[in-house]
Amino acid sequence: MNIEETVRAMPELAWFKSSYSTGSGGECVEVATGAASVHVRDSKDITRPALTVPPTAWTAFIGFAIAQAP
Protein backbone atom coordinates (compact mmCIF):
# COMPACT_ATOMS: atom_id res chain seq x y z
CA MET A 1 0.00 0.00 0.00
CA ASN A 2 1.33 3.44 -0.78
CA ILE A 3 0.68 6.75 0.97
CA GLU A 4 -1.80 8.00 -1.63
CA GLU A 5 -3.98 4.92 -1.11
CA THR A 6 -3.90 5.41 2.67
CA VAL A 7 -4.84 9.08 2.44
CA ARG A 8 -7.69 8.41 -0.01
CA ALA A 9 -9.04 5.49 2.03
CA MET A 10 -9.47 7.67 5.12
CA PRO A 11 -12.68 9.70 5.05
CA GLU A 12 -12.35 13.44 5.51
CA LEU A 13 -11.77 14.08 9.20
CA ALA A 14 -11.70 17.25 11.28
CA TRP A 15 -8.09 17.46 12.52
CA PHE A 16 -7.02 19.63 15.46
CA LYS A 17 -3.80 20.45 17.28
CA SER A 18 -3.22 20.71 21.00
CA SER A 19 -3.58 24.15 22.55
CA TYR A 20 -0.01 23.57 23.78
CA SER A 21 1.27 23.59 20.19
CA THR A 22 3.39 26.69 19.69
CA GLY A 23 3.41 26.61 15.89
CA SER A 24 7.14 27.30 15.95
CA GLY A 25 8.17 24.10 14.17
CA GLY A 26 8.31 21.87 17.22
CA GLU A 27 7.09 18.32 17.50
CA CYS A 28 3.34 18.64 16.95
CA VAL A 29 0.63 16.12 16.33
CA GLU A 30 -2.90 16.48 15.07
CA VAL A 31 -5.80 14.37 16.26
CA ALA A 32 -9.14 13.52 14.66
CA THR A 33 -11.92 11.38 16.06
CA GLY A 34 -13.92 9.00 13.94
CA ALA A 35 -16.99 6.93 14.73
CA ALA A 36 -14.97 4.04 16.18
CA SER A 37 -11.38 5.27 16.22
CA VAL A 38 -8.98 8.09 17.01
CA HIS A 39 -6.47 9.14 14.36
CA VAL A 40 -3.12 10.77 15.16
CA ARG A 41 -0.73 12.23 12.59
CA ASP A 42 2.39 14.37 12.31
CA SER A 43 1.26 17.94 11.68
CA LYS A 44 4.44 18.70 9.74
CA ASP A 45 3.91 15.86 7.22
CA ILE A 46 0.22 15.08 6.78
CA THR A 47 0.92 12.91 3.73
CA ARG A 48 2.23 10.12 5.97
CA PRO A 49 -0.27 7.57 7.27
CA ALA A 50 -2.02 8.35 10.53
CA LEU A 51 -1.83 6.15 13.59
CA THR A 52 -5.31 4.78 14.28
CA VAL A 53 -6.30 3.49 17.71
CA PRO A 54 -9.53 2.57 19.50
CA PRO A 55 -11.00 5.31 21.73
CA THR A 56 -10.22 3.27 24.86
CA ALA A 57 -6.52 3.16 23.97
CA TRP A 58 -6.48 6.93 23.32
CA THR A 59 -8.18 7.61 26.65
CA ALA A 60 -5.61 5.46 28.45
CA PHE A 61 -2.75 7.26 26.67
CA ILE A 62 -4.11 10.71 27.57
CA GLY A 63 -4.53 9.63 31.20
CA PHE A 64 -0.92 8.44 31.27
CA ALA A 65 0.36 11.62 29.58
CA ILE A 66 -1.47 13.85 32.06
CA ALA A 67 -0.12 11.84 34.99
CA GLN A 68 3.44 12.29 33.66
CA ALA A 69 3.14 16.04 33.05
CA PRO A 70 5.28 18.28 35.24
PDB file of N, CA and C in Angstrom:
ATOM      1  N   MET A   1       0.849  -1.172   0.000  1.00  0.00           N
ATOM      2  CA  MET A   1       0.000   0.000   0.000  1.00  0.00           C
ATOM      3  C   MET A   1       0.895   1.236   0.000  1.00  0.00           C
ATOM      4  N   ASN A   2       0.539   2.217  -0.797  1.00  0.00           N
ATOM      5  CA  ASN A   2       1.331   3.444  -0.780  1.00  0.00           C
ATOM      6  C   ASN A   2       0.591   4.548  -0.027  1.00  0.00           C
ATOM      7  N   ILE A   3       1.247   5.660   0.169  1.00  0.00           N
ATOM      8  CA  ILE A   3       0.682   6.746   0.969  1.00  0.00           C
ATOM      9  C   ILE A   3      -0.588   7.293   0.341  1.00  0.00           C
ATOM     10  N   GLU A   4      -0.612   7.454  -0.983  1.00  0.00           N
ATOM     11  CA  GLU A   4      -1.801   8.005  -1.627  1.00  0.00           C
ATOM     12  C   GLU A   4      -3.024   7.142  -1.350  1.00  0.00           C
ATOM     13  N   GLU A   5      -2.864   5.810  -1.387  1.00  0.00           N
ATOM     14  CA  GLU A   5      -3.984   4.921  -1.108  1.00  0.00           C
ATOM     15  C   GLU A   5      -4.460   5.094   0.328  1.00  0.00           C
ATOM     16  N   THR A   6      -3.533   5.240   1.267  1.00  0.00           N
ATOM     17  CA  THR A   6      -3.903   5.406   2.666  1.00  0.00           C
ATOM     18  C   THR A   6      -4.660   6.705   2.870  1.00  0.00           C
ATOM     19  N   VAL A   7      -4.184   7.783   2.272  1.00  0.00           N
ATOM     20  CA  VAL A   7      -4.842   9.081   2.439  1.00  0.00           C
ATOM     21  C   VAL A   7      -6.234   9.051   1.818  1.00  0.00           C
ATOM     22  N   ARG A   8      -6.376   8.469   0.640  1.00  0.00           N
ATOM     23  CA  ARG A   8      -7.687   8.409  -0.006  1.00  0.00           C
ATOM     24  C   ARG A   8      -8.655   7.516   0.737  1.00  0.00           C
ATOM     25  N   ALA A   9      -8.168   6.442   1.350  1.00  0.00           N
ATOM     26  CA  ALA A   9      -9.036   5.491   2.030  1.00  0.00           C
ATOM     27  C   ALA A   9      -9.635   6.075   3.303  1.00  0.00           C
ATOM     28  N   MET A  10      -8.990   7.065   3.891  1.00  0.00           N
ATOM     29  CA  MET A  10      -9.471   7.671   5.118  1.00  0.00           C
ATOM     30  C   MET A  10     -10.485   8.755   4.781  1.00  0.00           C
ATOM     31  N   PRO A  11     -11.695   8.649   5.323  1.00  0.00           N
ATOM     32  CA  PRO A  11     -12.678   9.696   5.047  1.00  0.00           C
ATOM     33  C   PRO A  11     -12.195  11.042   5.583  1.00  0.00           C
ATOM     34  N   GLU A  12     -12.749  12.102   5.067  1.00  0.00           N
ATOM     35  CA  GLU A  12     -12.349  13.441   5.512  1.00  0.00           C
ATOM     36  C   GLU A  12     -12.653  13.590   6.994  1.00  0.00           C
ATOM     37  N   LEU A  13     -11.644  13.932   7.758  1.00  0.00           N
ATOM     38  CA  LEU A  13     -11.771  14.082   9.202  1.00  0.00           C
ATOM     39  C   LEU A  13     -11.470  15.518   9.598  1.00  0.00           C
ATOM     40  N   ALA A  14     -11.990  15.930  10.737  1.00  0.00           N
ATOM     41  CA  ALA A  14     -11.697  17.253  11.279  1.00  0.00           C
ATOM     42  C   ALA A  14     -10.504  17.119  12.219  1.00  0.00           C
ATOM     43  N   TRP A  15      -9.327  17.571  11.760  1.00  0.00           N
ATOM     44  CA  TRP A  15      -8.091  17.456  12.517  1.00  0.00           C
ATOM     45  C   TRP A  15      -7.910  18.682  13.403  1.00  0.00           C
ATOM     46  N   PHE A  16      -7.339  18.498  14.587  1.00  0.00           N
ATOM     47  CA  PHE A  16      -7.024  19.630  15.457  1.00  0.00           C
ATOM     48  C   PHE A  16      -5.712  19.393  16.167  1.00  0.00           C
ATOM     49  N   LYS A  17      -5.060  20.491  16.547  1.00  0.00           N
ATOM     50  CA  LYS A  17      -3.795  20.447  17.281  1.00  0.00           C
ATOM     51  C   LYS A  17      -4.058  20.792  18.742  1.00  0.00           C
ATOM     52  N   SER A  18      -3.147  20.382  19.584  1.00  0.00           N
ATOM     53  CA  SER A  18      -3.218  20.714  20.998  1.00  0.00           C
ATOM     54  C   SER A  18      -3.089  22.221  21.187  1.00  0.00           C
ATOM     55  N   SER A  19      -3.731  22.729  22.214  1.00  0.00           N
ATOM     56  CA  SER A  19      -3.581  24.148  22.545  1.00  0.00           C
ATOM     57  C   SER A  19      -2.162  24.440  23.039  1.00  0.00           C
ATOM     58  N   TYR A  20      -1.390  23.403  23.368  1.00  0.00           N
ATOM     59  CA  TYR A  20      -0.007  23.572  23.783  1.00  0.00           C
ATOM     60  C   TYR A  20       0.936  23.694  22.596  1.00  0.00           C
ATOM     61  N   SER A  21       0.438  23.490  21.388  1.00  0.00           N
ATOM     62  CA  SER A  21       1.273  23.588  20.191  1.00  0.00           C
ATOM     63  C   SER A  21       1.640  25.048  19.969  1.00  0.00           C
ATOM     64  N   THR A  22       2.936  25.302  19.828  1.00  0.00           N
ATOM     65  CA  THR A  22       3.387  26.685  19.686  1.00  0.00           C
ATOM     66  C   THR A  22       3.388  27.158  18.234  1.00  0.00           C
ATOM     67  N   GLY A  23       3.353  26.221  17.300  1.00  0.00           N
ATOM     68  CA  GLY A  23       3.406  26.605  15.895  1.00  0.00           C
ATOM     69  C   GLY A  23       4.781  27.068  15.457  1.00  0.00           C
ATOM     70  N   SER A  24       5.795  26.831  16.276  1.00  0.00           N
ATOM     71  CA  SER A  24       7.136  27.304  15.947  1.00  0.00           C
ATOM     72  C   SER A  24       8.013  26.203  15.351  1.00  0.00           C
ATOM     73  N   GLY A  25       7.401  25.158  14.810  1.00  0.00           N
ATOM     74  CA  GLY A  25       8.171  24.103  14.167  1.00  0.00           C
ATOM     75  C   GLY A  25       8.569  22.974  15.088  1.00  0.00           C
ATOM     76  N   GLY A  26       7.995  22.935  16.283  1.00  0.00           N
ATOM     77  CA  GLY A  26       8.310  21.866  17.221  1.00  0.00           C
ATOM     78  C   GLY A  26       7.615  20.573  16.855  1.00  0.00           C
ATOM     79  N   GLU A  27       7.719  19.605  17.730  1.00  0.00           N
ATOM     80  CA  GLU A  27       7.089  18.323  17.501  1.00  0.00           C
ATOM     81  C   GLU A  27       5.603  18.426  17.813  1.00  0.00           C
ATOM     82  N   CYS A  28       4.782  18.480  16.788  1.00  0.00           N
ATOM     83  CA  CYS A  28       3.340  18.642  16.953  1.00  0.00           C
ATOM     84  C   CYS A  28       2.598  17.488  16.302  1.00  0.00           C
ATOM     85  N   VAL A  29       1.513  17.120  16.920  1.00  0.00           N
ATOM     86  CA  VAL A  29       0.634  16.123  16.326  1.00  0.00           C
ATOM     87  C   VAL A  29      -0.744  16.723  16.165  1.00  0.00           C
ATOM     88  N   GLU A  30      -1.498  16.126  15.252  1.00  0.00           N
ATOM     89  CA  GLU A  30      -2.896  16.481  15.068  1.00  0.00           C
ATOM     90  C   GLU A  30      -3.717  15.245  15.372  1.00  0.00           C
ATOM     91  N   VAL A  31      -4.919  15.458  15.878  1.00  0.00           N
ATOM     92  CA  VAL A  31      -5.803  14.365  16.258  1.00  0.00           C
ATOM     93  C   VAL A  31      -7.161  14.586  15.605  1.00  0.00           C
ATOM     94  N   ALA A  32      -7.780  13.486  15.186  1.00  0.00           N
ATOM     95  CA  ALA A  32      -9.142  13.519  14.661  1.00  0.00           C
ATOM     96  C   ALA A  32      -9.883  12.313  15.205  1.00  0.00           C
ATOM     97  N   THR A  33     -11.139  12.505  15.558  1.00  0.00           N
ATOM     98  CA  THR A  33     -11.919  11.384  16.056  1.00  0.00           C
ATOM     99  C   THR A  33     -12.883  10.919  14.981  1.00  0.00           C
ATOM    100  N   GLY A  34     -12.976   9.618  14.854  1.00  0.00           N
ATOM    101  CA  GLY A  34     -13.924   9.002  13.937  1.00  0.00           C
ATOM    102  C   GLY A  34     -15.003   8.304  14.739  1.00  0.00           C
ATOM    103  N   ALA A  35     -15.888   7.609  14.059  1.00  0.00           N
ATOM    104  CA  ALA A  35     -16.994   6.926  14.727  1.00  0.00           C
ATOM    105  C   ALA A  35     -16.491   5.862  15.703  1.00  0.00           C
ATOM    106  N   ALA A  36     -15.454   5.132  15.332  1.00  0.00           N
ATOM    107  CA  ALA A  36     -14.969   4.041  16.179  1.00  0.00           C
ATOM    108  C   ALA A  36     -13.461   4.072  16.374  1.00  0.00           C
ATOM    109  N   SER A  37     -12.833   5.211  16.093  1.00  0.00           N
ATOM    110  CA  SER A  37     -11.376   5.267  16.218  1.00  0.00           C
ATOM    111  C   SER A  37     -10.894   6.700  16.390  1.00  0.00           C
ATOM    112  N   VAL A  38      -9.663   6.806  16.877  1.00  0.00           N
ATOM    113  CA  VAL A  38      -8.985   8.094  17.007  1.00  0.00           C
ATOM    114  C   VAL A  38      -7.769   8.032  16.101  1.00  0.00           C
ATOM    115  N   HIS A  39      -7.556   9.083  15.321  1.00  0.00           N
ATOM    116  CA  HIS A  39      -6.467   9.138  14.356  1.00  0.00           C
ATOM    117  C   HIS A  39      -5.473  10.200  14.815  1.00  0.00           C
ATOM    118  N   VAL A  40      -4.181   9.865  14.737  1.00  0.00           N
ATOM    119  CA  VAL A  40      -3.116  10.770  15.165  1.00  0.00           C
ATOM    120  C   VAL A  40      -2.104  10.855  14.028  1.00  0.00           C
ATOM    121  N   ARG A  41      -1.708  12.074  13.671  1.00  0.00           N
ATOM    122  CA  ARG A  41      -0.730  12.235  12.592  1.00  0.00           C
ATOM    123  C   ARG A  41       0.253  13.346  12.916  1.00  0.00           C
ATOM    124  N   ASP A  42       1.360  13.348  12.198  1.00  0.00           N
ATOM    125  CA  ASP A  42       2.391  14.374  12.309  1.00  0.00           C
ATOM    126  C   ASP A  42       1.887  15.617  11.586  1.00  0.00           C
ATOM    127  N   SER A  43       1.788  16.723  12.286  1.00  0.00           N
ATOM    128  CA  SER A  43       1.261  17.943  11.678  1.00  0.00           C
ATOM    129  C   SER A  43       2.206  18.542  10.645  1.00  0.00           C
ATOM    130  N   LYS A  44       3.482  18.154  10.692  1.00  0.00           N
ATOM    131  CA  LYS A  44       4.441  18.698   9.735  1.00  0.00           C
ATOM    132  C   LYS A  44       4.487  17.903   8.436  1.00  0.00           C
ATOM    133  N   ASP A  45       3.917  16.691   8.432  1.00  0.00           N
ATOM    134  CA  ASP A  45       3.909  15.862   7.223  1.00  0.00           C
ATOM    135  C   ASP A  45       2.607  15.064   7.179  1.00  0.00           C
ATOM    136  N   ILE A  46       1.545  15.717   6.766  1.00  0.00           N
ATOM    137  CA  ILE A  46       0.224  15.080   6.779  1.00  0.00           C
ATOM    138  C   ILE A  46       0.037  14.064   5.651  1.00  0.00           C
ATOM    139  N   THR A  47       1.029  13.914   4.783  1.00  0.00           N
ATOM    140  CA  THR A  47       0.922  12.912   3.726  1.00  0.00           C
ATOM    141  C   THR A  47       1.254  11.512   4.239  1.00  0.00           C
ATOM    142  N   ARG A  48       1.900  11.433   5.386  1.00  0.00           N
ATOM    143  CA  ARG A  48       2.227  10.123   5.965  1.00  0.00           C
ATOM    144  C   ARG A  48       0.975   9.525   6.594  1.00  0.00           C
ATOM    145  N   PRO A  49       0.904   8.209   6.664  1.00  0.00           N
ATOM    146  CA  PRO A  49      -0.274   7.569   7.265  1.00  0.00           C
ATOM    147  C   PRO A  49      -0.450   7.962   8.727  1.00  0.00           C
ATOM    148  N   ALA A  50      -1.698   8.042   9.135  1.00  0.00           N
ATOM    149  CA  ALA A  50      -2.016   8.350  10.527  1.00  0.00           C
ATOM    150  C   ALA A  50      -2.004   7.075  11.353  1.00  0.00           C
ATOM    151  N   LEU A  51      -1.695   7.224  12.634  1.00  0.00           N
ATOM    152  CA  LEU A  51      -1.825   6.146  13.586  1.00  0.00           C
ATOM    153  C   LEU A  51      -3.294   6.092  13.978  1.00  0.00           C
ATOM    154  N   THR A  52      -3.896   4.923  13.938  1.00  0.00           N
ATOM    155  CA  THR A  52      -5.312   4.780  14.276  1.00  0.00           C
ATOM    156  C   THR A  52      -5.438   3.828  15.458  1.00  0.00           C
ATOM    157  N   VAL A  53      -6.135   4.286  16.500  1.00  0.00           N
ATOM    158  CA  VAL A  53      -6.296   3.490  17.712  1.00  0.00           C
ATOM    159  C   VAL A  53      -7.753   3.530  18.163  1.00  0.00           C
ATOM    160  N   PRO A  54      -8.181   2.534  18.942  1.00  0.00           N
ATOM    161  CA  PRO A  54      -9.535   2.571  19.500  1.00  0.00           C
ATOM    162  C   PRO A  54      -9.642   3.691  20.537  1.00  0.00           C
ATOM    163  N   PRO A  55     -10.837   4.233  20.744  1.00  0.00           N
ATOM    164  CA  PRO A  55     -10.998   5.311  21.729  1.00  0.00           C
ATOM    165  C   PRO A  55     -10.520   4.929  23.126  1.00  0.00           C
ATOM    166  N   THR A  56     -10.682   3.677  23.525  1.00  0.00           N
ATOM    167  CA  THR A  56     -10.225   3.271  24.860  1.00  0.00           C
ATOM    168  C   THR A  56      -8.711   3.382  24.994  1.00  0.00           C
ATOM    169  N   ALA A  57      -7.981   3.043  23.944  1.00  0.00           N
ATOM    170  CA  ALA A  57      -6.522   3.165  23.966  1.00  0.00           C
ATOM    171  C   ALA A  57      -6.109   4.634  24.036  1.00  0.00           C
ATOM    172  N   TRP A  58      -6.792   5.499  23.296  1.00  0.00           N
ATOM    173  CA  TRP A  58      -6.477   6.929  23.316  1.00  0.00           C
ATOM    174  C   TRP A  58      -6.733   7.513  24.705  1.00  0.00           C
ATOM    175  N   THR A  59      -7.849   7.128  25.311  1.00  0.00           N
ATOM    176  CA  THR A  59      -8.182   7.611  26.652  1.00  0.00           C
ATOM    177  C   THR A  59      -7.115   7.176  27.654  1.00  0.00           C
ATOM    178  N   ALA A  60      -6.663   5.938  27.549  1.00  0.00           N
ATOM    179  CA  ALA A  60      -5.608   5.455  28.447  1.00  0.00           C
ATOM    180  C   ALA A  60      -4.315   6.229  28.222  1.00  0.00           C
ATOM    181  N   PHE A  61      -3.966   6.498  26.972  1.00  0.00           N
ATOM    182  CA  PHE A  61      -2.751   7.258  26.666  1.00  0.00           C
ATOM    183  C   PHE A  61      -2.832   8.670  27.248  1.00  0.00           C
ATOM    184  N   ILE A  62      -3.953   9.338  27.050  1.00  0.00           N
ATOM    185  CA  ILE A  62      -4.114  10.706  27.571  1.00  0.00           C
ATOM    186  C   ILE A  62      -4.009  10.709  29.098  1.00  0.00           C
ATOM    187  N   GLY A  63      -4.638   9.732  29.747  1.00  0.00           N
ATOM    188  CA  GLY A  63      -4.532   9.629  31.197  1.00  0.00           C
ATOM    189  C   GLY A  63      -3.092   9.474  31.658  1.00  0.00           C
ATOM    190  N   PHE A  64      -2.325   8.640  30.946  1.00  0.00           N
ATOM    191  CA  PHE A  64      -0.918   8.442  31.272  1.00  0.00           C
ATOM    192  C   PHE A  64      -0.133   9.734  31.042  1.00  0.00           C
ATOM    193  N   ALA A  65      -0.376  10.399  29.910  1.00  0.00           N
ATOM    194  CA  ALA A  65       0.364  11.624  29.577  1.00  0.00           C
ATOM    195  C   ALA A  65       0.088  12.716  30.614  1.00  0.00           C
ATOM    196  N   ILE A  66      -1.133  12.838  31.050  1.00  0.00           N
ATOM    197  CA  ILE A  66      -1.468  13.851  32.057  1.00  0.00           C
ATOM    198  C   ILE A  66      -0.775  13.523  33.383  1.00  0.00           C
ATOM    199  N   ALA A  67      -0.760  12.255  33.742  1.00  0.00           N
ATOM    200  CA  ALA A  67      -0.125  11.840  34.993  1.00  0.00           C
ATOM    201  C   ALA A  67       1.377  12.109  34.982  1.00  0.00           C
ATOM    202  N   GLN A  68       1.995  12.088  33.790  1.00  0.00           N
ATOM    203  CA  GLN A  68       3.441  12.293  33.658  1.00  0.00           C
ATOM    204  C   GLN A  68       3.824  13.765  33.500  1.00  0.00           C
ATOM    205  N   ALA A  69       2.845  14.618  33.283  1.00  0.00           N
ATOM    206  CA  ALA A  69       3.136  16.041  33.046  1.00  0.00           C
ATOM    207  C   ALA A  69       3.729  16.683  34.299  1.00  0.00           C
ATOM    208  N   PRO A  70       4.658  17.604  34.083  1.00  0.00           N
ATOM    209  CA  PRO A  70       5.281  18.276  35.242  1.00  0.00           C
ATOM    210  C   PRO A  70       4.318  19.167  35.985  1.00  0.00           C
TER     211      PRO A  70
END
